[in-house]
Structure formats: structure tokens, C-alpha cells
Amino acid sequence: MIKLPTCSYVIDSRRSLTNGNFPVKIRITYQRVSRLYSIREGKGTLDLSKSDYSKLEKHKTSSVLAAKRKLIRSEINRAESIIETISRSGSEFTFKQFEISFRDRYDIKSVGGVFQLIIDEKMKAGRAGTSISYRDALHALDRFKNSKEILFKEITVEFLMKYEKHLLAEGKSINSVGVYMRSLRVAYNRAVHYQLVNPLQYPFGKFKYTIPKETTRKRALTKAEIKSIYSDFTPLFKSQEWYAKNYFMLSYLCNGMNFRDIAELTTENVDTNWIRYYRTKTKMTSMDKKLIQIFISPELRKIMNDLSAHSGKYFFPILSEGMDEYRKKQVVNQLIKTTNKYLKKIALELGITNQISTYYARHTWATVQKRNGASIELISDSLGHHSTNITQVYLDSFDEDTLRSLNADIL
């Protein structure tokens, strides 16, 4: 029978604090190895003088020491509960597992616990979009298991195949399935790092479960279709179609600017003739941020003037000052959803067969520039990409008419 770790408390007398006291810590001992963990008290950690420490277990003591004794016992109970939970999960005890649960207060024995840790990490780092993506992946997993707790030892190749089938039955696209599965793989990798699961049981990769990947669907309109949206469609002023058309054309004329970047533009990003900004997507993560510069053409200037807020921090009336990252993401997602709804109506009225969306502005700008003879390097730089490989995804294949006539005159 495997012996469980023991739990006790000690005063760490190796070094005194500035107030002359010493930290009181939880001591975990396992296989003759001991480690000490601080006890939180308010915004700091628990400390006592040696004299007060010696009085802790006395029957009669001051109310202050009694409260500290109660805190210590509570933390010991919590530590013992974590140890018991790790034991019940079937994985061997490691100090790494214990530390994450005890110090950071995450119940990482389960898949959901590790997911929550990642979700919180991303939100604290200001990456609300990534945090929401992991949250959505966790919710999808909960639906599959009817919110039952899932342990990492349950994540097998067979489990993943059934989960993929379930997601497709829900109507998820191959790309959406891929996003959920990659999120689960990140959580599993974290579990391996925390020694929650044996690496030999790893279910992803060659000859195991392979995450599905759909060939990127080209999202580019022709130059004639873009001109038709700009010139031939005249919606009622400030109607939903008017906003959809103008935000779409604004994105297109700004080198296919992402809608989050449009929303985040401030008055400081815009001067008489230029828009200069860093992409929100890479601002928090990239060491080598690329400044994107867009010359304001007459057509772009008119749309900017029509849509601009004319007051406050932001150039366009999409976000409000004081919004947190989560709320910003919600507002931009709603703008994209509404714009896509009315873009489809515009396309239908103009006889455009593509089911266009906001993504088409960015892909179309890149493709039109390629067909106009611009180099991939210049297109890549204008999109704010760090690699031309990323840019290639945006570039549409030559249109069908060109391909149809390709071999017409070779004999």
C-alpha cells in the first residue's frame, strides 16, 4: 500500500522577518522529502514570534492566537483534502500537483480545473479573446460529459474520437472541432507538466488521435464585386445595412483591418493623412511589434468621417472608456455578428454568390493586391504579419475565369 504524504505545521526559524517574527508554514513530507508552504493571512502570510508560537496549542490563549490557530488548522485540513483528492484521482502524488492546488487554489486533479487555471492566466495577461476561446472549449467538453468531472486518465484516443463525433453532430465545423481539440491538447500538456498523468498515455499525435484540419476556405471577392458593394448599393442613411456596408468597406480600404483593431483605434492613431497603429492581437504577445501605416485615401476619409465618434478616446463609436477586456470582446463580437447578418442581405441584393462576412475584407484586400502585382512581402508587411507563410493563407487562388481560359490557346 502506497503511503500518503503527512501534513503538519512548523515555524520557519531559518530567517526572521523585519518585525522580528518568523513565518509559520505547512510542512508536507513524502518519501522522506519535506517542503514548506506559506499560510496566507489577509494580504500577507502568517508569522509569529517564537514565544507566541509556543503558546499556540495551549488550552487557554488570547483571542488573537486562537484565531491564528484556527487558520492553521483550516489550512492543514485543506492540505490534507488536496492530498486525498490527488490519491483518489489515481495519479501518484507529486509536490508540483500539491503546489498548484494549495498555493494558487486550483483543483487541478480534473480537466476542468486545469482549463480554469489556463482561462484565468489568459485573462490576467489581458488576452480576453484567448481566455474566452478556452472557456468555450471547456463548455463544449462539459456538454459532452453532461458536466461530469473528467480526469486526465479518461482522455484516451477512443474518448477523443467519440468527442469529435459528438462535436460534428452538434453542427460544429471541422475548424471549430480543431480549435476545441487544440485547447484540450494544451490542457493535457499542462497536466503532463504538472505530473497529473503519465506521458506514456499521451493520446495525441502520429498513430494516435490526429486533430482534424480543414483546408482554409478562400474568402476573397473579385474586384468587380467590391466595386459593386461600394458603388451600386445605396442603403438608407444610418440603417443596419448602411453600417454593415461602411464598416466592411472601412476594413477593406484599411488594408483589411481586423474589426477589433477598428474598434481599438484612438484619435492618437489618426492624423491628417495617415492611420498608424499596432495590431491588438500581437500588442500583448509580440516582442517585435509591427507598426502598420495606412494612407488615408479620399474614399477612406469619407467613410471615416461618416462613422467617426468625434469625441472621447476612441475614433469610432464602438467601445467605451473603462470597458474591461471581456466586455470589449463581447461588443466587437456583436458588431461582427450584426455586420455579417446584413452583409449577406447586401450580397443577395447585388447578386454576389459568396456568403460574405467581415473576413472577406481582409482576404479580398490581400488577393486584389496580389493580382495588381504587389509583392507578397509588401502585402505581408501591410497586414502586420511576421511571416509571408501566414500571408499566403489570405491569398486567393486565381479566379475560375482565368483558370478556364488558361489552356484555351495553347494549340
Protein backbone atom coordinates (compact mmCIF):
# COMPACT_ATOMS: atom_id res chain seq x y z
CA MET A 1 0.00 0.00 0.00
CA ILE A 2 1.37 3.39 -1.02
CA LYS A 3 1.91 5.66 1.92
CA LEU A 4 0.28 9.10 1.67
CA PRO A 5 2.17 12.31 2.45
CA THR A 6 1.98 13.62 6.01
CA CYS A 7 0.93 17.15 6.86
CA SER A 8 1.90 19.31 9.84
CA TYR A 9 2.83 22.90 10.64
CA VAL A 10 6.14 24.41 11.79
CA ILE A 11 7.71 27.77 12.47
CA ASP A 12 10.38 28.51 9.86
CA SER A 13 13.15 29.85 12.09
CA ARG A 14 15.85 29.96 9.43
CA ARG A 15 15.45 33.70 8.92
CA SER A 16 13.48 36.31 10.86
CA LEU A 17 11.25 38.90 9.22
CA THR A 18 11.70 42.67 9.63
CA ASN A 19 9.21 42.65 12.52
CA GLY A 20 11.28 40.04 14.37
CA ASN A 21 8.72 37.26 13.80
CA PHE A 22 9.12 34.05 11.80
CA PRO A 23 6.84 32.56 9.11
CA VAL A 24 4.51 29.74 10.17
CA LYS A 25 4.23 27.20 7.36
CA ILE A 26 2.57 23.96 6.35
CA ARG A 27 5.05 21.09 6.07
CA ILE A 28 4.35 18.27 3.60
CA THR A 29 6.53 15.17 3.87
CA TYR A 30 6.51 12.44 1.24
CA GLN A 31 9.02 9.64 0.79
CA ARG A 32 11.37 11.33 3.28
CA VAL A 33 11.29 14.64 1.37
CA SER A 34 9.76 17.69 3.08
CA ARG A 35 8.66 21.01 1.65
CA LEU A 36 7.27 24.09 3.36
CA TYR A 37 4.33 26.20 2.16
CA SER A 38 3.35 29.64 3.44
CA ILE A 39 -0.06 30.20 5.02
CA ARG A 40 -1.99 33.16 3.66
CA GLU A 41 -3.35 35.65 6.16
CA GLY A 42 -5.17 38.63 4.69
CA LYS A 43 -2.93 40.14 2.01
CA GLY A 44 0.21 38.66 3.55
CA THR A 45 1.36 35.43 5.15
CA LEU A 46 1.11 34.16 8.70
CA ASP A 47 4.02 34.89 11.04
CA LEU A 48 4.55 34.67 14.82
CA SER A 49 7.19 35.27 17.41
CA LYS A 50 8.77 32.13 18.86
CA SER A 51 7.11 32.92 22.18
CA ASP A 52 3.61 33.13 20.66
CA TYR A 53 4.25 30.01 18.57
CA SER A 54 5.00 28.03 21.73
CA LYS A 55 1.60 29.10 23.15
CA LEU A 56 -0.47 28.04 20.11
CA GLU A 57 -1.56 24.67 21.41
CA LYS A 58 -2.25 25.79 24.97
CA HIS A 59 -5.87 25.40 26.04
CA LYS A 60 -6.17 28.97 27.26
CA THR A 61 -4.73 31.59 24.97
CA SER A 62 -5.54 35.06 23.67
CA SER A 63 -8.31 35.58 21.11
CA VAL A 64 -5.67 36.69 18.56
CA LEU A 65 -3.68 33.47 18.95
CA ALA A 66 -6.88 31.43 18.95
CA ALA A 67 -7.81 32.94 15.56
CA LYS A 68 -4.36 32.14 14.19
CA ARG A 69 -4.62 28.56 15.49
CA LYS A 70 -7.98 28.23 13.76
CA LEU A 71 -6.45 29.48 10.49
CA ILE A 72 -3.58 26.98 10.74
CA ARG A 73 -5.93 24.07 11.36
CA SER A 74 -8.12 25.15 8.48
CA GLU A 75 -5.12 25.20 6.14
CA ILE A 76 -3.95 21.80 7.36
CA ASN A 77 -7.43 20.41 6.65
CA ARG A 78 -7.29 21.95 3.18
CA ALA A 79 -3.84 20.48 2.53
CA GLU A 80 -4.98 17.03 3.68
CA SER A 81 -8.05 17.30 1.44
CA ILE A 82 -5.86 18.12 -1.57
CA ILE A 83 -3.62 15.13 -0.79
CA GLU A 84 -6.67 12.85 -0.51
CA THR A 85 -8.10 14.19 -3.77
CA ILE A 86 -4.85 13.51 -5.61
CA SER A 87 -4.84 9.98 -4.20
CA ARG A 88 -8.46 9.36 -5.29
CA SER A 89 -7.72 10.58 -8.81
CA GLY A 90 -5.44 7.59 -9.30
CA SER A 91 -2.29 9.60 -10.04
CA GLU A 92 0.82 9.41 -7.89
CA PHE A 93 1.35 12.31 -5.51
CA THR A 94 3.79 15.00 -6.65
CA PHE A 95 4.73 18.22 -4.93
CA LYS A 96 4.01 20.06 -8.20
CA GLN A 97 0.36 18.98 -8.12
CA PHE A 98 0.05 19.95 -4.50
CA GLU A 99 1.63 23.38 -5.02
CA ILE A 100 -0.77 24.41 -7.79
CA SER A 101 -3.80 23.43 -5.72
CA PHE A 102 -2.54 24.76 -2.38
CA ARG A 103 -0.79 27.97 -3.44
CA ASP A 104 -2.97 29.03 -6.35
CA ARG A 105 -6.15 27.35 -5.05
CA TYR A 106 -6.96 25.48 -8.27
CA ASP A 107 -8.43 21.99 -8.14
CA ILE A 108 -6.20 20.63 -10.88
CA LYS A 109 -7.00 16.96 -10.40
CA SER A 110 -9.57 17.28 -13.21
CA VAL A 111 -9.51 18.52 -16.80
CA GLY A 112 -11.86 21.35 -15.84
CA GLY A 113 -9.51 22.52 -13.08
CA VAL A 114 -6.55 22.84 -15.45
CA PHE A 115 -8.77 24.55 -18.04
CA GLN A 116 -9.86 27.09 -15.41
CA LEU A 117 -6.25 27.77 -14.48
CA ILE A 118 -5.41 28.49 -18.15
CA ILE A 119 -8.57 30.62 -18.59
CA ASP A 120 -7.63 32.78 -15.61
CA GLU A 121 -3.99 33.07 -16.72
CA LYS A 122 -5.02 34.36 -20.16
CA MET A 123 -7.49 36.86 -18.68
CA LYS A 124 -4.89 38.21 -16.24
CA ALA A 125 -2.48 38.63 -19.17
CA GLY A 126 -5.05 40.81 -20.97
CA ARG A 127 -5.77 38.13 -23.59
CA ALA A 128 -9.54 38.10 -23.23
CA GLY A 129 -10.16 36.56 -26.64
CA THR A 130 -7.90 33.59 -25.92
CA SER A 131 -9.43 33.21 -22.46
CA ILE A 132 -12.94 33.12 -23.94
CA SER A 133 -11.80 30.56 -26.53
CA TYR A 134 -10.60 28.21 -23.77
CA ARG A 135 -13.80 28.82 -21.82
CA ASP A 136 -15.88 27.86 -24.88
CA ALA A 137 -13.78 24.70 -25.32
CA LEU A 138 -14.39 23.77 -21.68
CA HIS A 139 -18.14 24.34 -22.04
CA ALA A 140 -18.18 22.08 -25.12
CA LEU A 141 -16.42 19.37 -23.12
CA ASP A 142 -18.91 19.80 -20.26
CA ARG A 143 -21.81 19.33 -22.69
CA PHE A 144 -20.25 16.12 -23.98
CA LYS A 145 -19.89 14.68 -20.47
CA ASN A 146 -23.09 16.26 -19.08
CA SER A 147 -20.97 18.42 -16.74
CA LYS A 148 -19.49 15.33 -15.06
CA GLU A 149 -15.96 15.72 -13.77
CA ILE A 150 -13.38 14.38 -16.24
CA LEU A 151 -9.98 13.10 -15.14
CA PHE A 152 -7.00 13.19 -17.49
CA LYS A 153 -6.65 9.40 -17.36
CA GLU A 154 -10.04 9.27 -19.15
CA ILE A 155 -8.70 11.22 -22.16
CA THR A 156 -7.83 8.35 -24.49
CA VAL A 157 -7.78 8.00 -28.27
CA GLU A 158 -11.22 6.38 -28.09
CA PHE A 159 -12.52 9.25 -25.91
CA LEU A 160 -11.23 11.85 -28.40
CA MET A 161 -12.77 10.04 -31.38
CA LYS A 162 -16.17 9.95 -29.64
CA TYR A 163 -15.82 13.62 -28.64
CA GLU A 164 -15.03 14.61 -32.24
CA LYS A 165 -18.09 12.71 -33.47
CA HIS A 166 -20.21 14.47 -30.84
CA LEU A 167 -18.98 17.93 -31.87
CA LEU A 168 -19.69 17.25 -35.55
CA ALA A 169 -23.17 16.01 -34.63
CA GLU A 170 -23.72 19.33 -32.82
CA GLY A 171 -23.11 21.05 -36.15
CA LYS A 172 -19.57 22.25 -35.45
CA SER A 173 -17.30 22.75 -38.46
CA ILE A 174 -14.04 20.85 -38.86
CA ASN A 175 -12.15 24.04 -37.97
CA SER A 176 -14.21 24.52 -34.80
CA VAL A 177 -13.53 20.92 -33.80
CA GLY A 178 -9.83 21.62 -34.37
CA VAL A 179 -9.93 24.68 -32.10
CA TYR A 180 -11.61 22.73 -29.27
CA MET A 181 -9.21 19.80 -29.63
CA ARG A 182 -6.12 22.02 -29.66
CA SER A 183 -7.35 23.69 -26.47
CA LEU A 184 -7.78 20.26 -24.88
CA ARG A 185 -4.29 19.28 -26.03
CA VAL A 186 -2.83 22.38 -24.35
CA ALA A 187 -4.60 21.43 -21.11
CA TYR A 188 -3.31 17.85 -21.42
CA ASN A 189 0.24 19.11 -22.00
CA ARG A 190 -0.09 21.21 -18.86
CA ALA A 191 -1.27 18.11 -16.99
CA VAL A 192 1.83 16.24 -18.14
CA HIS A 193 3.95 19.14 -16.88
CA TYR A 194 2.19 19.01 -13.51
CA GLN A 195 2.70 15.22 -13.45
CA LEU A 196 -1.04 14.59 -13.27
CA VAL A 197 -0.84 11.95 -15.97
CA ASN A 198 1.77 9.53 -17.32
CA PRO A 199 3.33 10.91 -20.55
CA LEU A 200 3.24 7.37 -21.98
CA GLN A 201 -0.58 7.67 -22.03
CA TYR A 202 -0.42 10.76 -24.29
CA PRO A 203 -3.30 10.32 -26.78
CA PHE A 204 -2.41 12.95 -29.40
CA GLY A 205 -0.08 12.66 -32.38
CA LYS A 206 1.04 10.28 -35.08
CA PHE A 207 -0.56 6.82 -34.92
CA LYS A 208 -2.84 8.11 -32.14
CA TYR A 209 -5.51 10.82 -32.35
CA THR A 210 -4.84 13.43 -35.02
CA ILE A 211 -6.63 16.75 -34.71
CA PRO A 212 -8.66 17.37 -37.88
CA LYS A 213 -7.74 20.31 -40.05
CA GLU A 214 -9.81 21.74 -42.86
CA THR A 215 -8.11 23.32 -45.83
CA THR A 216 -8.53 27.06 -45.42
CA ARG A 217 -11.52 28.19 -47.42
CA LYS A 218 -10.68 31.13 -49.60
CA ARG A 219 -12.60 34.23 -48.60
CA ALA A 220 -11.94 36.69 -51.39
CA LEU A 221 -14.31 38.66 -53.60
CA THR A 222 -13.42 39.86 -57.05
CA LYS A 223 -12.50 43.49 -57.63
CA ALA A 224 -15.78 43.91 -59.53
CA GLU A 225 -17.79 42.60 -56.55
CA ILE A 226 -16.04 45.00 -54.17
CA LYS A 227 -16.78 47.91 -56.55
CA SER A 228 -20.41 46.81 -56.68
CA ILE A 229 -20.74 46.94 -52.89
CA TYR A 230 -19.06 50.35 -52.79
CA SER A 231 -20.79 52.00 -55.78
CA ASP A 232 -24.00 50.12 -56.58
CA PHE A 233 -25.50 49.62 -53.13
CA THR A 234 -27.08 52.73 -51.57
CA PRO A 235 -28.69 51.94 -48.22
CA LEU A 236 -30.81 54.22 -46.09
CA PHE A 237 -28.58 56.56 -44.06
CA LYS A 238 -27.58 55.02 -40.71
CA SER A 239 -29.65 51.89 -41.29
CA GLN A 240 -28.21 48.49 -40.33
CA GLU A 241 -27.25 47.91 -43.99
CA TRP A 242 -25.54 51.33 -44.05
CA TYR A 243 -23.38 50.45 -41.04
CA ALA A 244 -22.63 46.98 -42.42
CA LYS A 245 -21.53 48.39 -45.78
CA ASN A 246 -19.43 51.18 -44.28
CA TYR A 247 -17.64 49.09 -41.65
CA PHE A 248 -16.92 46.42 -44.29
CA MET A 249 -15.55 48.99 -46.76
CA LEU A 250 -13.61 50.71 -43.98
CA SER A 251 -11.93 47.39 -43.18
CA TYR A 252 -11.16 46.78 -46.87
CA LEU A 253 -9.74 50.26 -47.51
CA CYS A 254 -7.59 49.96 -44.34
CA ASN A 255 -5.59 47.01 -45.70
CA GLY A 256 -8.23 44.58 -44.44
CA MET A 257 -8.06 45.89 -40.87
CA ASN A 258 -9.45 43.48 -38.27
CA PHE A 259 -12.69 44.66 -36.60
CA ARG A 260 -11.11 44.57 -33.14
CA ASP A 261 -8.38 46.89 -34.42
CA ILE A 262 -11.00 49.20 -35.93
CA ALA A 263 -12.76 49.34 -32.56
CA GLU A 264 -9.48 49.99 -30.69
CA LEU A 265 -8.35 52.89 -32.93
CA THR A 266 -7.93 56.06 -30.91
CA THR A 267 -7.74 59.67 -32.02
CA GLU A 268 -3.97 59.42 -31.43
CA ASN A 269 -3.72 56.74 -34.15
CA VAL A 270 -5.11 59.11 -36.80
CA ASP A 271 -3.54 62.30 -38.14
CA THR A 272 -4.23 64.41 -41.24
CA ASN A 273 -3.14 61.85 -43.83
CA TRP A 274 -2.24 58.63 -42.01
CA ILE A 275 -3.53 55.88 -39.72
CA ARG A 276 -0.74 54.35 -37.64
CA TYR A 277 -1.38 51.52 -35.18
CA TYR A 278 -0.21 48.19 -33.74
CA ARG A 279 -2.47 45.17 -34.02
CA THR A 280 -4.35 44.36 -30.81
CA LYS A 281 -3.76 40.65 -31.48
CA THR A 282 0.03 40.96 -31.23
CA LYS A 283 0.39 44.02 -28.99
CA MET A 284 0.46 41.92 -25.80
CA THR A 285 2.48 38.96 -27.09
CA SER A 286 4.99 40.09 -29.72
CA MET A 287 8.39 41.45 -28.81
CA ASP A 288 8.89 42.76 -32.34
CA LYS A 289 5.65 44.69 -32.87
CA LYS A 290 5.00 45.94 -36.40
CA LEU A 291 3.74 49.45 -36.92
CA ILE A 292 1.06 49.41 -39.62
CA GLN A 293 0.70 52.62 -41.65
CA ILE A 294 -2.26 53.35 -43.93
CA PHE A 295 -2.51 56.39 -46.17
CA ILE A 296 -5.99 57.92 -45.96
CA SER A 297 -7.45 57.97 -49.48
CA PRO A 298 -10.43 60.26 -50.32
CA GLU A 299 -12.79 57.26 -50.28
CA LEU A 300 -11.49 56.14 -46.89
CA ARG A 301 -11.65 59.66 -45.46
CA LYS A 302 -15.34 59.98 -46.33
CA ILE A 303 -16.22 56.69 -44.60
CA MET A 304 -14.13 57.63 -41.56
CA ASN A 305 -15.88 60.99 -41.29
CA ASP A 306 -19.30 59.36 -41.60
CA LEU A 307 -18.57 56.77 -38.89
CA SER A 308 -16.29 58.66 -36.51
CA ALA A 309 -17.32 59.37 -32.92
CA HIS A 310 -15.89 62.94 -32.94
CA SER A 311 -15.41 62.79 -29.17
CA GLY A 312 -13.78 60.69 -26.48
CA LYS A 313 -10.78 58.38 -26.64
CA TYR A 314 -11.88 56.09 -29.47
CA PHE A 315 -12.11 57.24 -33.07
CA PHE A 316 -15.22 55.15 -33.81
CA PRO A 317 -18.29 54.81 -31.53
CA ILE A 318 -17.87 51.10 -30.79
CA LEU A 319 -16.10 50.82 -27.43
CA SER A 320 -16.44 52.98 -24.35
CA GLU A 321 -13.71 54.10 -21.98
CA GLY A 322 -13.47 51.93 -18.89
CA MET A 323 -14.56 48.68 -20.58
CA ASP A 324 -12.60 45.62 -19.47
CA GLU A 325 -11.14 43.16 -21.96
CA TYR A 326 -14.02 40.72 -21.63
CA ARG A 327 -16.64 43.39 -22.36
CA LYS A 328 -14.64 44.72 -25.31
CA LYS A 329 -14.58 41.24 -26.80
CA GLN A 330 -18.35 40.92 -26.36
CA VAL A 331 -19.05 44.28 -28.05
CA VAL A 332 -16.77 43.59 -31.03
CA ASN A 333 -18.20 40.09 -31.49
CA GLN A 334 -21.70 41.54 -31.56
CA LEU A 335 -20.64 44.15 -34.13
CA ILE A 336 -19.16 41.39 -36.33
CA LYS A 337 -22.28 39.24 -35.94
CA THR A 338 -24.61 42.11 -36.89
CA THR A 339 -22.38 43.21 -39.79
CA ASN A 340 -22.27 39.65 -41.17
CA LYS A 341 -26.06 39.39 -41.00
CA TYR A 342 -26.57 42.47 -43.15
CA LEU A 343 -23.63 41.77 -45.45
CA LYS A 344 -25.43 38.62 -46.53
CA LYS A 345 -28.51 40.71 -47.40
CA ILE A 346 -26.34 43.14 -49.36
CA ALA A 347 -24.71 40.27 -51.26
CA LEU A 348 -28.12 38.80 -52.07
CA GLU A 349 -29.40 42.13 -53.43
CA LEU A 350 -26.28 42.58 -55.59
CA GLY A 351 -26.28 39.00 -56.87
CA ILE A 352 -22.99 38.12 -55.18
CA THR A 353 -22.99 34.36 -54.72
CA ASN A 354 -20.38 34.24 -51.95
CA GLN A 355 -21.78 34.11 -48.40
CA ILE A 356 -19.61 37.07 -47.47
CA SER A 357 -18.55 38.04 -43.97
CA THR A 358 -16.21 40.53 -42.35
CA TYR A 359 -13.28 38.16 -43.00
CA TYR A 360 -13.70 38.74 -46.72
CA ALA A 361 -12.45 42.33 -46.44
CA ARG A 362 -9.00 41.23 -45.27
CA HIS A 363 -8.69 38.28 -47.66
CA THR A 364 -10.00 40.31 -50.59
CA TRP A 365 -7.61 43.21 -49.98
CA ALA A 366 -4.64 40.82 -49.98
CA THR A 367 -5.84 38.98 -53.09
CA VAL A 368 -6.59 42.16 -55.08
CA GLN A 369 -3.14 43.49 -54.20
CA LYS A 370 -1.56 40.24 -55.39
CA ARG A 371 -3.46 40.40 -58.67
CA ASN A 372 -2.42 44.04 -59.05
CA GLY A 373 1.22 42.94 -58.91
CA ALA A 374 2.16 43.80 -55.30
CA SER A 375 4.84 41.58 -53.79
CA ILE A 376 3.89 39.11 -51.07
CA GLU A 377 6.49 40.77 -48.83
CA LEU A 378 4.76 44.17 -49.15
CA ILE A 379 1.31 42.63 -48.62
CA SER A 380 2.62 40.74 -45.59
CA ASP A 381 4.09 43.89 -44.06
CA SER A 382 0.88 45.86 -44.67
CA LEU A 383 -1.19 43.15 -42.97
CA GLY A 384 1.13 43.20 -39.97
CA HIS A 385 2.22 39.58 -40.44
CA HIS A 386 5.59 38.36 -39.19
CA SER A 387 5.88 35.73 -41.91
CA THR A 388 4.91 35.54 -45.58
CA ASN A 389 3.71 31.98 -44.85
CA ILE A 390 0.82 33.48 -42.85
CA THR A 391 0.08 35.90 -45.69
CA GLN A 392 -0.18 33.07 -48.21
CA VAL A 393 -3.28 31.83 -46.37
CA TYR A 394 -5.05 35.07 -47.25
CA LEU A 395 -4.19 34.97 -50.93
CA ASP A 396 -6.95 33.59 -53.05
CA SER A 397 -6.24 31.23 -55.95
CA PHE A 398 -6.71 32.71 -59.39
CA ASP A 399 -10.36 33.11 -60.28
CA GLU A 400 -12.16 30.42 -62.31
CA ASP A 401 -12.36 32.52 -65.47
CA THR A 402 -8.57 32.81 -65.54
CA LEU A 403 -8.16 29.07 -64.99
CA ARG A 404 -10.83 28.27 -67.58
CA SER A 405 -9.01 30.27 -70.27
CA LEU A 406 -5.53 29.14 -69.22
CA ASN A 407 -5.23 26.36 -71.81
CA ALA A 408 -7.58 27.87 -74.40
CA ASP A 409 -4.87 28.99 -76.85
CA ILE A 410 -2.05 26.50 -76.37
CA LEU A 411 -2.76 24.53 -79.56
